[in-house]
Amino acid sequence: GVHSGPGRPSRTGGPVPLVLSAKSEAALREQAARLSAWLGERAGLPLPDVAHTLATGRARFDHRAVVVADGHPEAVAALAALAGDRPHDAVVTGRAALASGPVLVFPGQGSQWADMAVELLDTHPVFAAAIEDCHRAFAEFTDWSLLDVLRSRPGAPGLDRVDVVQPALFAVMVSLARCWQAYGVTPAAVIGHSQGEIAAAHIAGALSLRDAAKVVTLRSKAITALAGTGGMASLALPAADVERLLAPRPGRIGIAAVNGPRSTVVSGDAAALDALERDCAEQDIRIRRIPVDYASHSAHVEELDETLHRVLDGIAPMDTATGFISTVTGEPVATTGLGTGYWYRNLRRTVRFEQAVRTAYERGHRIFIEVSPHPVLTAGIEDTLQETAGATDEPYLVTGTLRREEGGPRRLLTSVAEVHTAGGAADLVPHPDADCPGPVDLPTYAFQRRNFWLAPDTGARNAAAAGAGGGV
């Protein structure tokens, strides 16, 4: 169908977000009941028009809900469930308590799946345009086509190749970040895990697309030289406990990443990892071998030092207003320092992800959005925040973007709705254009214990002009 504005739901199909808010939970449920009954009698009314009026013609209160519905029957049923305080897959509810700028988090490898980009490529213009930009940027550095890879076209290389999966993930993460930005979600800070830092640097404005494409394609190509020499594994243990486990094998395995208080990744020699797996089995410790045959974030990377400095020479990092919290140091760094040497250290050093999340929290950030085709870091972020926030009971939000086998606009809108209902600046307005003719006279706000009816000729437009409307 024709799309309404940047990446907005189209009038001719696809899910739309119906945004509700109220001053109390009871009023929110009453609102949903009225809207459900009202919509039930108007099967011919285009849902995008209803969505647009709800999003633009109403004040924003703290008790919030979004119904992500694909068609009238689902909208009516989901609103009725919300009214009756029953769970429904299409309903997202929350209390707007978080006003801090969001942190966009970009993971390393592991979130990929075969058709991760296909649905949004076909339905979301912002996503498709961003992928197209990456496709063109990669062409200078690769002998394969990004679009062929993402669409699994015959003859295209597979995501089992490190020099394909890393650029493909970069492209999908960057394009998802562009979708978040189209919905009004602007990062106050970024965190990237391992190769995710390349996407983070580009979205923060520190690396041009050409420079970021150069780093992600040529660095992953260089990693192929390490194939068959090592491996990596993750353990459900604190880093200090893992250090003790590794002590009998000095130098052969090291800590590659600290993802959370009880989530640690190790890397090193394959034979030493085999022995570690046997030790863990004996001690009943959970260990999972990561399906790679090289050891990033270990001494193995040192043989790439000269190559990386040569092939990445000439990149020009820029200053940016967006906070860049480095997982190489665990602290904010000046983005002008993200030159060739940084991208070597990023591959060689331990990923201090847990520390970076703590730093973000200590700097006042409360909304963490993992920008990926499947959430792989949200559990680690949750664990870290639980430990950092401690007994303060202060609210925070951790959410992902897409999920494995849920790669379309419904999942994306649901994730945006989670940020909106928690109080984050997220714009769920299906922006009007020629295809979205405008306001609908909706049932009025469900004021508790008193009635206030708009005169029938005013409509939502005048109510908004009179001050009843509110920004997101």
Protein backbone atom coordinates (compact mmCIF):
# COMPACT_ATOMS: atom_id res chain seq x y z
CA GLY A 1 0.00 0.00 0.00
CA VAL A 2 0.89 3.66 -0.10
CA HIS A 3 2.69 4.72 3.04
CA SER A 4 1.76 7.76 5.09
CA GLY A 5 4.92 9.70 5.85
CA PRO A 6 8.26 8.22 6.87
CA GLY A 7 7.69 4.60 7.74
CA ARG A 8 4.13 5.15 8.84
CA PRO A 9 1.41 2.54 8.63
CA SER A 10 -0.34 2.64 5.29
CA ARG A 11 -4.04 3.11 4.78
CA THR A 12 -4.23 -0.09 2.80
CA GLY A 13 -3.01 -2.62 5.29
CA GLY A 14 -0.48 -3.32 7.98
CA PRO A 15 -0.78 -2.75 11.73
CA VAL A 16 -1.52 0.70 13.17
CA PRO A 17 -0.95 2.01 16.71
CA LEU A 18 -4.02 3.23 18.62
CA VAL A 19 -2.71 5.46 21.42
CA LEU A 20 -4.69 6.00 24.63
CA SER A 21 -3.85 7.80 27.86
CA ALA A 22 -5.71 8.80 31.02
CA LYS A 23 -5.20 10.24 34.49
CA SER A 24 -6.03 6.92 36.17
CA GLU A 25 -6.18 3.25 35.36
CA ALA A 26 -9.96 3.21 35.68
CA ALA A 27 -10.28 6.08 33.20
CA LEU A 28 -7.94 4.31 30.78
CA ARG A 29 -10.09 1.16 30.87
CA GLU A 30 -13.27 3.20 30.43
CA GLN A 31 -11.66 4.96 27.47
CA ALA A 32 -10.83 1.58 25.89
CA ALA A 33 -14.42 0.34 26.49
CA ARG A 34 -15.91 3.40 24.76
CA LEU A 35 -13.54 3.20 21.83
CA SER A 36 -14.10 -0.55 21.43
CA ALA A 37 -17.88 -0.12 21.29
CA TRP A 38 -17.61 2.92 19.01
CA LEU A 39 -15.24 1.18 16.56
CA GLY A 40 -17.39 -1.96 16.64
CA GLU A 41 -20.18 0.05 14.99
CA ARG A 42 -17.93 1.62 12.33
CA ALA A 43 -16.30 -1.26 10.45
CA GLY A 44 -15.76 0.90 7.35
CA LEU A 45 -13.76 3.63 9.07
CA PRO A 46 -10.05 3.55 8.08
CA LEU A 47 -8.02 2.63 11.17
CA PRO A 48 -5.10 4.95 10.24
CA ASP A 49 -7.49 7.93 10.47
CA VAL A 50 -8.59 6.81 13.94
CA ALA A 51 -4.93 6.26 14.92
CA HIS A 52 -3.96 9.70 13.66
CA THR A 53 -6.75 11.45 15.59
CA LEU A 54 -5.94 9.55 18.79
CA ALA A 55 -2.26 10.42 18.49
CA THR A 56 -2.66 14.12 17.67
CA GLY A 57 -5.97 15.27 19.14
CA ARG A 58 -5.58 14.15 22.72
CA ALA A 59 -3.65 15.35 25.75
CA ARG A 60 -1.02 12.94 27.09
CA PHE A 61 -1.55 11.59 30.58
CA ASP A 62 0.53 9.20 32.67
CA HIS A 63 -1.55 6.02 32.40
CA ARG A 64 -0.90 4.87 28.86
CA ALA A 65 -1.80 2.10 26.47
CA VAL A 66 -1.16 1.37 22.81
CA VAL A 67 -3.11 -1.17 20.80
CA VAL A 68 -1.13 -2.34 17.76
CA ALA A 69 -3.92 -3.66 15.58
CA ASP A 70 -4.14 -4.99 12.06
CA GLY A 71 -7.75 -4.35 11.12
CA HIS A 72 -11.03 -3.61 12.90
CA PRO A 73 -11.81 -7.01 14.47
CA GLU A 74 -8.42 -7.13 16.21
CA ALA A 75 -8.70 -3.48 17.33
CA VAL A 76 -12.18 -4.02 18.81
CA ALA A 77 -11.13 -7.26 20.58
CA ALA A 78 -7.87 -5.80 21.92
CA LEU A 79 -9.60 -2.64 23.22
CA ALA A 80 -12.25 -4.82 24.90
CA ALA A 81 -9.46 -6.85 26.56
CA LEU A 82 -7.82 -3.62 27.77
CA ALA A 83 -11.20 -2.42 29.08
CA GLY A 84 -11.65 -5.67 30.98
CA ASP A 85 -8.06 -5.64 32.29
CA ARG A 86 -7.31 -8.88 30.40
CA PRO A 87 -3.98 -9.54 28.67
CA HIS A 88 -3.93 -9.38 24.86
CA ASP A 89 -0.98 -9.74 22.48
CA ALA A 90 -1.87 -6.48 20.73
CA VAL A 91 -1.96 -4.37 23.92
CA VAL A 92 1.00 -2.54 25.51
CA THR A 93 0.35 -0.67 28.76
CA GLY A 94 2.61 1.40 30.98
CA ARG A 95 2.96 4.28 33.39
CA ALA A 96 4.81 7.29 32.01
CA ALA A 97 7.53 7.67 34.61
CA LEU A 98 10.70 7.95 32.54
CA ALA A 99 11.74 11.19 30.93
CA SER A 100 15.49 10.68 30.43
CA GLY A 101 16.97 10.44 26.95
CA PRO A 102 17.22 6.85 25.71
CA VAL A 103 20.38 4.80 25.23
CA LEU A 104 20.50 2.84 21.98
CA VAL A 105 22.43 -0.41 22.47
CA PHE A 106 23.98 -2.27 19.52
CA PRO A 107 25.03 -5.90 20.12
CA GLY A 108 27.86 -7.83 18.50
CA GLN A 109 27.29 -11.12 16.70
CA GLY A 110 24.54 -13.57 17.64
CA SER A 111 21.27 -11.75 16.95
CA GLN A 112 21.17 -12.74 13.25
CA TRP A 113 18.55 -15.00 11.67
CA ALA A 114 17.92 -15.96 8.05
CA ASP A 115 15.12 -13.59 6.99
CA MET A 116 15.71 -10.91 9.62
CA ALA A 117 15.37 -7.96 7.20
CA VAL A 118 12.90 -9.20 4.60
CA GLU A 119 9.59 -8.10 6.12
CA LEU A 120 10.68 -4.53 6.88
CA LEU A 121 12.43 -4.26 3.50
CA ASP A 122 9.01 -4.91 1.95
CA THR A 123 6.90 -2.73 4.26
CA HIS A 124 8.94 0.06 5.87
CA PRO A 125 10.30 2.82 3.60
CA VAL A 126 12.73 4.21 6.20
CA PHE A 127 14.24 0.77 6.80
CA ALA A 128 14.42 -0.04 3.09
CA ALA A 129 16.10 3.29 2.25
CA ALA A 130 18.72 2.82 4.99
CA ILE A 131 19.49 -0.74 3.81
CA GLU A 132 19.82 0.61 0.26
CA ASP A 133 22.38 3.18 1.53
CA CYS A 134 24.39 0.41 3.25
CA HIS A 135 24.15 -1.76 0.12
CA ARG A 136 25.76 1.04 -1.91
CA ALA A 137 28.37 1.79 0.77
CA PHE A 138 29.43 -1.88 1.02
CA ALA A 139 29.80 -2.27 -2.77
CA GLU A 140 33.10 -0.37 -2.62
CA PHE A 141 34.61 -2.91 -0.21
CA THR A 142 32.94 -6.30 -0.85
CA ASP A 143 32.48 -8.68 -3.78
CA TRP A 144 28.99 -9.70 -2.59
CA SER A 145 25.67 -7.85 -2.53
CA LEU A 146 24.03 -6.95 0.79
CA LEU A 147 20.53 -7.16 -0.70
CA ASP A 148 21.25 -10.60 -2.19
CA VAL A 149 22.48 -11.79 1.22
CA LEU A 150 19.48 -10.39 3.13
CA ARG A 151 17.03 -11.87 0.64
CA SER A 152 18.94 -15.22 0.56
CA ARG A 153 19.15 -15.09 -3.23
CA PRO A 154 20.73 -18.06 -5.02
CA GLY A 155 24.51 -17.74 -5.15
CA ALA A 156 24.69 -15.19 -2.31
CA PRO A 157 27.10 -16.05 0.53
CA GLY A 158 25.55 -17.17 3.85
CA LEU A 159 25.49 -15.60 7.29
CA ASP A 160 27.86 -18.35 8.48
CA ARG A 161 30.76 -16.27 7.08
CA VAL A 162 32.18 -13.73 9.54
CA ASP A 163 32.95 -11.29 6.71
CA VAL A 164 29.26 -11.44 5.67
CA VAL A 165 27.39 -11.66 8.98
CA GLN A 166 29.14 -8.70 10.62
CA PRO A 167 28.39 -6.22 7.78
CA ALA A 168 24.85 -7.66 7.38
CA LEU A 169 24.16 -7.13 11.10
CA PHE A 170 25.65 -3.64 10.95
CA ALA A 171 23.28 -2.76 8.09
CA VAL A 172 20.20 -4.15 9.85
CA MET A 173 21.07 -2.46 13.17
CA VAL A 174 21.74 0.91 11.53
CA SER A 175 18.50 0.66 9.54
CA LEU A 176 16.51 -0.24 12.68
CA ALA A 177 18.07 2.76 14.45
CA ARG A 178 16.87 4.95 11.55
CA CYS A 179 13.35 3.56 12.16
CA TRP A 180 13.57 4.46 15.87
CA GLN A 181 14.65 7.96 14.86
CA ALA A 182 11.72 8.21 12.42
CA TYR A 183 9.46 7.49 15.42
CA GLY A 184 11.01 10.41 17.30
CA VAL A 185 13.36 8.33 19.46
CA THR A 186 16.66 10.22 19.46
CA PRO A 187 19.53 8.63 21.37
CA ALA A 188 21.02 10.69 24.19
CA ALA A 189 23.82 8.10 24.26
CA VAL A 190 24.90 4.94 22.47
CA ILE A 191 26.60 1.74 23.63
CA GLY A 192 27.99 -0.86 21.23
CA HIS A 193 29.12 -4.39 22.08
CA SER A 194 32.19 -5.49 20.11
CA GLN A 195 31.34 -4.96 16.39
CA GLY A 196 28.14 -3.20 17.58
CA GLU A 197 30.33 -0.21 18.40
CA ILE A 198 30.78 0.42 14.66
CA ALA A 199 27.00 0.85 14.24
CA ALA A 200 26.88 2.89 17.47
CA ALA A 201 29.62 5.22 16.18
CA HIS A 202 27.78 5.77 12.90
CA ILE A 203 24.39 6.43 14.54
CA ALA A 204 26.03 8.83 17.03
CA GLY A 205 27.43 10.76 14.05
CA ALA A 206 31.07 9.91 14.80
CA LEU A 207 31.73 7.88 11.62
CA SER A 208 30.35 8.61 8.17
CA LEU A 209 28.54 5.71 6.51
CA ARG A 210 31.51 5.18 4.18
CA ASP A 211 33.98 5.04 7.10
CA ALA A 212 31.73 2.74 9.15
CA ALA A 213 31.20 0.49 6.10
CA LYS A 214 34.97 0.38 5.57
CA VAL A 215 35.61 -0.63 9.21
CA VAL A 216 32.90 -3.32 9.36
CA THR A 217 33.66 -4.91 5.97
CA LEU A 218 37.47 -4.80 5.92
CA ARG A 219 37.91 -5.69 9.60
CA SER A 220 35.61 -8.73 9.34
CA LYS A 221 37.48 -9.77 6.17
CA ALA A 222 40.76 -9.58 8.15
CA ILE A 223 39.26 -11.80 10.90
CA THR A 224 38.94 -14.66 8.37
CA ALA A 225 42.74 -15.09 8.73
CA LEU A 226 42.10 -16.33 12.29
CA ALA A 227 39.61 -19.02 11.19
CA GLY A 228 40.22 -22.44 12.71
CA THR A 229 42.65 -21.20 15.36
CA GLY A 230 40.38 -20.63 18.35
CA GLY A 231 36.91 -20.33 19.76
CA MET A 232 34.64 -18.61 22.24
CA ALA A 233 32.19 -19.72 24.93
CA SER A 234 29.73 -18.07 27.29
CA LEU A 235 29.29 -18.92 30.96
CA ALA A 236 26.44 -18.03 33.33
CA LEU A 237 28.90 -16.88 36.02
CA PRO A 238 30.32 -13.62 37.40
CA ALA A 239 33.63 -12.56 35.83
CA ALA A 240 35.51 -13.10 39.11
CA ASP A 241 34.39 -16.74 39.26
CA VAL A 242 35.42 -17.24 35.62
CA GLU A 243 38.88 -15.80 36.40
CA ARG A 244 39.30 -18.51 39.05
CA LEU A 245 38.23 -21.23 36.59
CA LEU A 246 40.77 -19.98 34.03
CA ALA A 247 43.67 -19.71 36.48
CA PRO A 248 44.98 -23.28 35.78
CA ARG A 249 45.38 -22.37 32.06
CA PRO A 250 47.25 -19.07 32.05
CA GLY A 251 47.47 -17.34 28.68
CA ARG A 252 45.46 -19.91 26.72
CA ILE A 253 41.97 -18.52 27.43
CA GLY A 254 40.94 -15.09 28.62
CA ILE A 255 37.80 -13.11 29.37
CA ALA A 256 36.44 -11.74 26.10
CA ALA A 257 33.35 -9.93 27.39
CA VAL A 258 31.56 -9.14 30.63
CA ASN A 259 27.90 -8.87 29.62
CA GLY A 260 26.29 -8.72 33.04
CA PRO A 261 26.78 -9.66 36.71
CA ARG A 262 26.35 -13.36 35.80
CA SER A 263 27.17 -13.44 32.10
CA THR A 264 30.76 -13.78 30.92
CA VAL A 265 32.30 -14.74 27.56
CA VAL A 266 35.74 -16.34 27.22
CA SER A 267 37.93 -16.81 24.16
CA GLY A 268 41.20 -18.46 23.24
CA ASP A 269 42.72 -21.75 22.05
CA ALA A 270 40.19 -24.36 20.91
CA ALA A 271 41.86 -27.22 22.85
CA ALA A 272 41.89 -25.18 26.08
CA LEU A 273 38.18 -24.40 25.58
CA ASP A 274 37.45 -28.13 25.16
CA ALA A 275 39.19 -28.78 28.49
CA LEU A 276 37.26 -25.91 30.13
CA GLU A 277 33.98 -27.43 28.87
CA ARG A 278 34.92 -30.73 30.53
CA ASP A 279 35.73 -28.94 33.82
CA CYS A 280 32.41 -27.11 33.71
CA ALA A 281 30.49 -30.35 33.06
CA GLU A 282 32.13 -31.91 36.15
CA GLN A 283 31.30 -28.89 38.31
CA ASP A 284 27.77 -28.53 36.90
CA ILE A 285 28.50 -25.06 35.49
CA ARG A 286 26.52 -23.86 32.45
CA ILE A 287 28.83 -23.20 29.51
CA ARG A 288 27.78 -22.71 25.88
CA ARG A 289 30.18 -22.84 22.97
CA ILE A 290 29.60 -19.92 20.58
CA PRO A 291 29.49 -21.09 16.93
CA VAL A 292 32.69 -19.32 15.79
CA ASP A 293 36.13 -20.78 15.05
CA TYR A 294 38.21 -17.74 15.95
CA ALA A 295 38.97 -15.95 19.24
CA SER A 296 38.01 -12.27 19.18
CA HIS A 297 39.02 -10.24 22.25
CA SER A 298 42.03 -12.45 22.92
CA ALA A 299 45.76 -12.47 22.20
CA HIS A 300 44.97 -14.19 18.87
CA VAL A 301 43.89 -10.78 17.52
CA GLU A 302 47.43 -9.41 17.87
CA GLU A 303 48.45 -10.97 14.57
CA LEU A 304 45.92 -8.63 12.85
CA ASP A 305 47.42 -5.46 14.36
CA GLU A 306 49.47 -4.44 11.32
CA THR A 307 46.78 -5.49 8.78
CA LEU A 308 44.03 -3.53 10.51
CA HIS A 309 46.14 -0.40 10.82
CA ARG A 310 46.91 -0.66 7.11
CA VAL A 311 43.41 -1.42 5.71
CA LEU A 312 41.54 1.02 7.98
CA ASP A 313 43.95 3.87 7.45
CA GLY A 314 42.30 7.14 6.46
CA ILE A 315 39.04 6.97 8.44
CA ALA A 316 38.15 10.36 9.90
CA PRO A 317 36.14 10.23 13.16
CA MET A 318 34.09 13.32 14.00
CA ASP A 319 32.97 15.05 17.18
CA THR A 320 29.36 14.42 18.18
CA ALA A 321 26.87 15.68 20.75
CA THR A 322 25.54 12.14 21.35
CA GLY A 323 27.23 10.43 24.30
CA PHE A 324 29.45 7.51 23.25
CA ILE A 325 29.94 5.16 26.20
CA SER A 326 32.81 2.91 25.16
CA THR A 327 32.82 -0.81 25.93
CA VAL A 328 36.61 -0.76 25.49
CA THR A 329 36.95 1.51 28.55
CA GLY A 330 33.50 1.25 30.17
CA GLU A 331 33.38 5.07 30.23
CA PRO A 332 32.33 7.90 27.88
CA VAL A 333 35.02 8.71 25.29
CA ALA A 334 35.53 11.60 22.90
CA THR A 335 34.41 10.35 19.50
CA THR A 336 37.30 12.09 17.72
CA GLY A 337 39.38 9.26 19.21
CA LEU A 338 37.55 6.56 17.22
CA GLY A 339 40.31 6.21 14.62
CA THR A 340 42.10 3.14 13.30
CA GLY A 341 43.80 2.29 16.63
CA TYR A 342 40.45 2.29 18.43
CA TRP A 343 38.98 -0.33 16.07
CA TYR A 344 41.98 -2.57 16.69
CA ARG A 345 41.60 -2.20 20.49
CA ASN A 346 37.84 -2.80 20.19
CA LEU A 347 38.59 -6.23 18.67
CA ARG A 348 41.54 -7.06 20.95
CA ARG A 349 40.39 -5.97 24.40
CA THR A 350 37.75 -7.35 26.76
CA VAL A 351 34.25 -5.96 26.06
CA ARG A 352 33.33 -4.07 29.23
CA PHE A 353 29.63 -4.05 28.50
CA GLU A 354 28.38 -4.38 32.09
CA GLN A 355 30.55 -1.42 33.11
CA ALA A 356 29.25 0.68 30.19
CA VAL A 357 25.63 0.00 31.24
CA ARG A 358 26.44 0.94 34.86
CA THR A 359 28.07 4.14 33.64
CA ALA A 360 24.99 5.01 31.57
CA TYR A 361 22.72 4.40 34.58
CA GLU A 362 24.94 6.49 36.85
CA ARG A 363 24.74 9.31 34.29
CA GLY A 364 20.94 9.32 34.62
CA HIS A 365 19.85 7.15 31.69
CA ARG A 366 16.79 4.97 32.39
CA ILE A 367 15.64 3.80 28.94
CA PHE A 368 17.77 1.15 27.21
CA ILE A 369 16.75 0.00 23.72
CA GLU A 370 18.60 -2.90 22.12
CA VAL A 371 18.65 -2.17 18.41
CA SER A 372 18.89 -5.61 16.82
CA PRO A 373 16.99 -8.31 14.91
CA HIS A 374 16.79 -10.38 18.12
CA PRO A 375 17.50 -9.34 21.72
CA VAL A 376 20.76 -10.85 22.95
CA LEU A 377 21.83 -8.27 25.55
CA THR A 378 18.56 -7.31 27.26
CA ALA A 379 18.95 -9.99 29.98
CA GLY A 380 22.46 -8.74 30.78
CA ILE A 381 21.23 -5.13 30.87
CA GLU A 382 18.32 -6.10 33.17
CA ASP A 383 20.64 -7.96 35.56
CA THR A 384 23.09 -5.06 35.62
CA LEU A 385 20.38 -2.48 36.27
CA GLN A 386 18.76 -4.60 39.00
CA GLU A 387 22.10 -4.72 40.76
CA THR A 388 22.91 -1.05 40.10
CA ALA A 389 19.49 0.34 41.02
CA GLY A 390 19.50 -1.96 44.05
CA ALA A 391 16.76 -1.26 46.55
CA THR A 392 15.94 2.22 45.19
CA ASP A 393 12.95 0.82 43.31
CA GLU A 394 13.55 3.49 40.67
CA PRO A 395 11.84 2.57 37.39
CA TYR A 396 13.75 1.88 34.18
CA LEU A 397 12.92 0.29 30.85
CA VAL A 398 14.85 -2.31 28.86
CA THR A 399 13.39 -3.32 25.51
CA GLY A 400 14.48 -4.83 22.20
CA THR A 401 13.45 -4.02 18.63
CA LEU A 402 12.69 -7.14 16.57
CA ARG A 403 12.66 -10.83 17.57
CA ARG A 404 13.57 -14.02 15.75
CA GLU A 405 10.72 -14.83 13.32
CA GLU A 406 9.04 -11.53 14.29
CA GLY A 407 10.73 -9.18 11.87
CA GLY A 408 7.88 -6.97 10.74
CA PRO A 409 6.12 -3.68 11.47
CA ARG A 410 3.96 -5.18 14.24
CA ARG A 411 6.98 -6.12 16.37
CA LEU A 412 8.67 -2.78 15.62
CA LEU A 413 5.56 -0.75 16.56
CA THR A 414 5.11 -2.83 19.72
CA SER A 415 8.69 -2.01 20.78
CA VAL A 416 8.13 1.71 20.07
CA ALA A 417 4.88 1.47 22.07
CA GLU A 418 6.82 0.11 25.07
CA VAL A 419 9.00 3.23 25.05
CA HIS A 420 5.98 5.53 24.61
CA THR A 421 3.94 3.95 27.42
CA ALA A 422 6.94 4.20 29.78
CA GLY A 423 7.11 7.95 29.14
CA GLY A 424 9.89 8.08 26.56
CA ALA A 425 9.68 10.52 23.67
CA ALA A 426 8.29 8.22 20.98
CA ASP A 427 6.05 9.57 18.25
CA LEU A 428 3.38 7.09 17.20
CA VAL A 429 1.56 9.54 14.94
CA PRO A 430 0.80 8.07 11.53
CA HIS A 431 1.84 11.33 9.86
CA PRO A 432 -0.81 12.79 7.58
CA ASP A 433 -0.31 13.28 3.90
CA ALA A 434 -2.57 13.07 0.86
CA ASP A 435 -3.29 9.47 1.81
CA CYS A 436 -4.46 10.21 5.35
CA PRO A 437 -7.25 12.79 5.23
CA GLY A 438 -7.40 13.66 8.86
CA PRO A 439 -9.38 13.85 12.04
CA VAL A 440 -12.28 11.68 13.04
CA ASP A 441 -14.85 12.61 15.73
CA LEU A 442 -13.96 10.10 18.41
CA PRO A 443 -15.77 9.38 21.67
CA THR A 444 -14.74 11.99 24.24
CA TYR A 445 -12.32 11.51 27.12
CA ALA A 446 -13.67 9.27 29.87
CA PHE A 447 -13.64 11.76 32.71
CA GLN A 448 -14.16 10.02 36.01
CA ARG A 449 -17.30 11.04 37.97
CA ARG A 450 -18.21 14.00 35.72
CA ASN A 451 -19.30 14.34 32.14
CA PHE A 452 -17.93 16.88 29.74
CA TRP A 453 -19.17 16.65 26.18
CA LEU A 454 -17.65 18.55 23.30
CA ALA A 455 -20.21 20.38 21.19
CA PRO A 456 -20.80 18.09 18.20
CA ASP A 457 -19.43 20.59 15.64
CA THR A 458 -16.05 21.20 17.29
CA GLY A 459 -14.27 17.91 16.55
CA ALA A 460 -10.84 16.87 17.66
CA ARG A 461 -9.08 19.56 15.61
CA ASN A 462 -10.62 22.44 17.58
CA ALA A 463 -10.21 20.62 20.86
CA ALA A 464 -6.50 20.43 20.12
CA ALA A 465 -6.42 24.12 19.15
CA ALA A 466 -8.17 24.99 22.41
CA GLY A 467 -5.38 23.38 24.39
CA ALA A 468 -6.74 19.87 24.88
CA GLY A 469 -4.01 18.49 22.62
CA GLY A 470 -0.61 17.77 24.01
CA GLY A 471 2.79 16.93 22.60
CA VAL A 472 4.24 13.48 23.06
